[in-house]
Amino acid sequence: MPFGGSTYHALQVQVEKRLSRGLQAQAAYTWSKSIDDSSVVSGNTAYLGGGLSLQNPNNRRLERSLSQYDIPQSLKIAYTYDLPFG
């Protein structure tokens, strides 16, 4: 019997540009949403171990909400430079 379910949707965009004299730049952007029915928000409850109370144990859909670890936006930027010797 499964104890929880999750859904993850994302849009990912990556751009890479090679510039002059060995310089390269890269950027990556992610827009996402993570939804589940098993994240525990309160720090004093333990999932499957004790004080977790469900609104209705027969209907887990009532527990669906944003995941505790949901990070809706992420931007990463990197660059490299090739040294002119070696």
N, C-alpha and C. Protein backbone atom coordinates (compact mmCIF):
# COMPACT_ATOMS: atom_id res chain seq x y z
N MET A 1 0.84 -1.19 0.00
CA MET A 1 0.00 0.00 0.00
C MET A 1 0.88 1.25 0.00
N PRO A 2 0.71 2.13 -0.93
CA PRO A 2 1.52 3.36 -0.96
C PRO A 2 1.13 4.31 0.17
N PHE A 3 2.11 5.02 0.69
CA PHE A 3 1.88 5.94 1.80
C PHE A 3 1.70 7.37 1.35
N GLY A 4 2.04 7.71 0.15
CA GLY A 4 1.91 9.09 -0.31
C GLY A 4 2.13 9.18 -1.81
N GLY A 5 1.71 10.31 -2.36
CA GLY A 5 1.90 10.53 -3.78
C GLY A 5 2.35 11.96 -4.02
N SER A 6 3.03 12.17 -5.13
CA SER A 6 3.50 13.51 -5.43
C SER A 6 3.40 13.77 -6.93
N THR A 7 3.37 15.05 -7.27
CA THR A 7 3.34 15.51 -8.65
C THR A 7 4.32 16.67 -8.79
N TYR A 8 5.09 16.65 -9.88
CA TYR A 8 6.08 17.70 -10.12
C TYR A 8 5.94 18.15 -11.57
N HIS A 9 5.77 19.45 -11.77
CA HIS A 9 5.70 20.04 -13.11
C HIS A 9 6.76 21.13 -13.17
N ALA A 10 7.41 21.25 -14.33
CA ALA A 10 8.48 22.24 -14.44
C ALA A 10 8.62 22.74 -15.87
N LEU A 11 9.09 23.97 -15.98
CA LEU A 11 9.52 24.56 -17.25
C LEU A 11 10.99 24.89 -17.07
N GLN A 12 11.82 24.34 -17.94
CA GLN A 12 13.26 24.56 -17.84
C GLN A 12 13.77 25.21 -19.11
N VAL A 13 14.58 26.26 -18.94
CA VAL A 13 15.17 26.98 -20.06
C VAL A 13 16.67 27.10 -19.81
N GLN A 14 17.45 26.79 -20.83
CA GLN A 14 18.89 26.89 -20.70
C GLN A 14 19.45 27.63 -21.90
N VAL A 15 20.36 28.57 -21.64
CA VAL A 15 20.99 29.37 -22.69
C VAL A 15 22.50 29.28 -22.51
N GLU A 16 23.19 29.04 -23.62
CA GLU A 16 24.64 28.99 -23.59
C GLU A 16 25.18 29.87 -24.70
N LYS A 17 26.17 30.70 -24.37
CA LYS A 17 26.73 31.64 -25.35
C LYS A 17 28.25 31.57 -25.28
N ARG A 18 28.86 31.40 -26.45
CA ARG A 18 30.32 31.42 -26.54
C ARG A 18 30.73 32.81 -27.01
N LEU A 19 31.50 33.45 -26.21
CA LEU A 19 31.96 34.81 -26.51
C LEU A 19 33.40 34.73 -27.04
N SER A 20 33.99 35.87 -27.29
CA SER A 20 35.34 35.91 -27.87
C SER A 20 36.40 35.61 -26.81
N ARG A 21 37.56 35.18 -27.29
CA ARG A 21 38.75 34.94 -26.48
C ARG A 21 38.55 33.90 -25.38
N GLY A 22 37.78 32.87 -25.66
CA GLY A 22 37.66 31.75 -24.73
C GLY A 22 36.69 31.93 -23.59
N LEU A 23 35.86 32.95 -23.64
CA LEU A 23 34.88 33.18 -22.58
C LEU A 23 33.55 32.55 -22.98
N GLN A 24 32.96 31.80 -22.06
CA GLN A 24 31.67 31.17 -22.28
C GLN A 24 30.76 31.50 -21.10
N ALA A 25 29.49 31.72 -21.39
CA ALA A 25 28.51 32.01 -20.35
C ALA A 25 27.32 31.06 -20.51
N GLN A 26 26.75 30.70 -19.38
CA GLN A 26 25.60 29.80 -19.40
C GLN A 26 24.63 30.22 -18.30
N ALA A 27 23.33 30.17 -18.63
CA ALA A 27 22.28 30.49 -17.66
C ALA A 27 21.18 29.44 -17.77
N ALA A 28 20.66 29.03 -16.63
CA ALA A 28 19.57 28.05 -16.60
C ALA A 28 18.50 28.54 -15.63
N TYR A 29 17.25 28.51 -16.07
CA TYR A 29 16.13 28.95 -15.26
C TYR A 29 15.10 27.83 -15.17
N THR A 30 14.58 27.60 -13.98
CA THR A 30 13.55 26.58 -13.77
C THR A 30 12.39 27.21 -13.01
N TRP A 31 11.21 27.04 -13.56
CA TRP A 31 9.96 27.42 -12.88
C TRP A 31 9.22 26.13 -12.63
N SER A 32 8.87 25.85 -11.37
CA SER A 32 8.30 24.54 -11.07
C SER A 32 7.29 24.62 -9.94
N LYS A 33 6.56 23.53 -9.80
CA LYS A 33 5.61 23.38 -8.70
C LYS A 33 5.60 21.92 -8.29
N SER A 34 5.74 21.68 -7.00
CA SER A 34 5.72 20.34 -6.46
C SER A 34 4.54 20.23 -5.50
N ILE A 35 3.68 19.24 -5.74
CA ILE A 35 2.49 19.03 -4.93
C ILE A 35 2.52 17.60 -4.41
N ASP A 36 2.21 17.41 -3.13
CA ASP A 36 2.13 16.06 -2.60
C ASP A 36 1.10 15.98 -1.48
N ASP A 37 0.92 14.78 -0.99
CA ASP A 37 -0.03 14.58 0.09
C ASP A 37 0.63 13.98 1.33
N SER A 38 1.97 14.13 1.44
CA SER A 38 2.65 13.52 2.57
C SER A 38 3.68 14.42 3.23
N SER A 39 3.80 15.68 2.83
CA SER A 39 4.71 16.59 3.53
C SER A 39 4.12 16.95 4.88
N VAL A 40 4.98 16.97 5.86
CA VAL A 40 4.56 17.32 7.21
C VAL A 40 5.13 18.70 7.51
N VAL A 41 4.27 19.65 7.79
CA VAL A 41 4.70 21.03 8.01
C VAL A 41 5.16 21.24 9.44
N SER A 42 4.46 20.67 10.40
CA SER A 42 4.79 20.86 11.80
C SER A 42 6.03 20.06 12.16
N GLY A 43 6.92 20.66 12.93
CA GLY A 43 8.15 19.99 13.31
C GLY A 43 7.97 18.98 14.42
N ASN A 44 6.85 18.98 15.11
CA ASN A 44 6.68 18.06 16.23
C ASN A 44 5.84 16.84 15.88
N THR A 45 5.58 16.59 14.61
CA THR A 45 4.87 15.37 14.22
C THR A 45 5.79 14.53 13.37
N ALA A 46 5.65 13.24 13.46
CA ALA A 46 6.48 12.32 12.68
C ALA A 46 5.60 11.54 11.73
N TYR A 47 5.96 11.56 10.46
CA TYR A 47 5.16 10.85 9.46
C TYR A 47 5.28 9.35 9.69
N LEU A 48 4.18 8.67 9.76
CA LEU A 48 4.07 7.23 9.96
C LEU A 48 4.52 6.78 11.33
N GLY A 49 4.91 7.69 12.18
CA GLY A 49 5.41 7.25 13.47
C GLY A 49 4.57 7.69 14.65
N GLY A 50 3.67 8.61 14.47
CA GLY A 50 2.96 9.04 15.65
C GLY A 50 1.84 9.99 15.38
N GLY A 51 2.10 11.28 15.62
CA GLY A 51 1.03 12.24 15.73
C GLY A 51 0.48 12.79 14.44
N LEU A 52 0.64 12.13 13.33
CA LEU A 52 0.08 12.64 12.08
C LEU A 52 -1.41 12.36 12.04
N SER A 53 -2.20 13.39 11.94
CA SER A 53 -3.65 13.19 11.86
C SER A 53 -4.13 13.67 10.50
N LEU A 54 -4.89 12.82 9.83
CA LEU A 54 -5.43 13.13 8.52
C LEU A 54 -6.82 13.71 8.66
N GLN A 55 -7.21 14.58 7.73
CA GLN A 55 -8.57 15.11 7.75
C GLN A 55 -9.57 13.99 7.55
N ASN A 56 -9.29 13.10 6.62
CA ASN A 56 -10.15 11.94 6.35
C ASN A 56 -9.24 10.82 5.85
N PRO A 57 -9.00 9.78 6.65
CA PRO A 57 -8.08 8.71 6.23
C PRO A 57 -8.52 8.00 4.96
N ASN A 58 -9.79 8.07 4.60
CA ASN A 58 -10.29 7.41 3.40
C ASN A 58 -10.18 8.27 2.15
N ASN A 59 -9.79 9.54 2.30
CA ASN A 59 -9.69 10.45 1.17
C ASN A 59 -8.39 11.24 1.29
N ARG A 60 -7.30 10.70 0.72
CA ARG A 60 -5.99 11.36 0.82
C ARG A 60 -5.91 12.63 -0.01
N ARG A 61 -6.84 12.84 -0.94
CA ARG A 61 -6.82 14.06 -1.77
C ARG A 61 -7.00 15.31 -0.92
N LEU A 62 -7.62 15.19 0.22
CA LEU A 62 -7.79 16.35 1.10
C LEU A 62 -6.45 16.85 1.64
N GLU A 63 -5.44 16.01 1.62
CA GLU A 63 -4.12 16.39 2.15
C GLU A 63 -3.21 17.01 1.09
N ARG A 64 -3.63 17.04 -0.17
CA ARG A 64 -2.78 17.57 -1.24
C ARG A 64 -2.55 19.06 -1.07
N SER A 65 -1.30 19.46 -1.15
CA SER A 65 -0.93 20.87 -1.09
C SER A 65 0.51 21.00 -1.61
N LEU A 66 1.03 22.21 -1.60
CA LEU A 66 2.42 22.42 -2.01
C LEU A 66 3.34 21.60 -1.12
N SER A 67 4.35 21.02 -1.72
CA SER A 67 5.30 20.23 -0.96
C SER A 67 6.10 21.12 -0.03
N GLN A 68 6.56 20.51 1.04
CA GLN A 68 7.39 21.24 1.99
C GLN A 68 8.71 21.68 1.35
N TYR A 69 9.19 20.93 0.38
CA TYR A 69 10.46 21.22 -0.30
C TYR A 69 10.27 21.94 -1.64
N ASP A 70 9.09 22.50 -1.90
CA ASP A 70 8.81 23.18 -3.16
C ASP A 70 9.67 24.43 -3.30
N ILE A 71 10.39 24.53 -4.40
CA ILE A 71 11.19 25.72 -4.74
C ILE A 71 10.68 26.19 -6.09
N PRO A 72 9.80 27.21 -6.11
CA PRO A 72 9.11 27.57 -7.36
C PRO A 72 10.00 28.16 -8.45
N GLN A 73 11.08 28.84 -8.10
CA GLN A 73 11.92 29.45 -9.13
C GLN A 73 13.39 29.25 -8.78
N SER A 74 14.18 28.99 -9.81
CA SER A 74 15.61 28.80 -9.61
C SER A 74 16.35 29.35 -10.82
N LEU A 75 17.37 30.15 -10.57
CA LEU A 75 18.20 30.73 -11.62
C LEU A 75 19.65 30.41 -11.32
N LYS A 76 20.33 29.80 -12.27
CA LYS A 76 21.75 29.46 -12.14
C LYS A 76 22.51 30.12 -13.27
N ILE A 77 23.60 30.78 -12.93
CA ILE A 77 24.44 31.45 -13.92
C ILE A 77 25.87 30.97 -13.73
N ALA A 78 26.53 30.62 -14.83
CA ALA A 78 27.91 30.16 -14.76
C ALA A 78 28.68 30.72 -15.95
N TYR A 79 29.99 30.82 -15.76
CA TYR A 79 30.86 31.27 -16.86
C TYR A 79 32.19 30.54 -16.75
N THR A 80 32.84 30.38 -17.88
CA THR A 80 34.18 29.79 -17.92
C THR A 80 35.08 30.64 -18.83
N TYR A 81 36.34 30.58 -18.54
CA TYR A 81 37.31 31.32 -19.33
C TYR A 81 38.50 30.39 -19.59
N ASP A 82 38.81 30.16 -20.85
CA ASP A 82 39.96 29.36 -21.22
C ASP A 82 41.20 30.23 -21.12
N LEU A 83 42.17 29.77 -20.35
CA LEU A 83 43.42 30.52 -20.22
C LEU A 83 44.19 30.48 -21.55
N PRO A 84 44.89 31.59 -21.88
CA PRO A 84 45.56 31.66 -23.18
C PRO A 84 46.84 30.84 -23.26
N PHE A 85 47.20 30.08 -22.25
CA PHE A 85 48.39 29.23 -22.31
C PHE A 85 48.02 27.83 -21.84
N GLY A 86 48.88 26.87 -22.12
CA GLY A 86 48.68 25.48 -21.65
C GLY A 86 48.08 24.64 -22.63
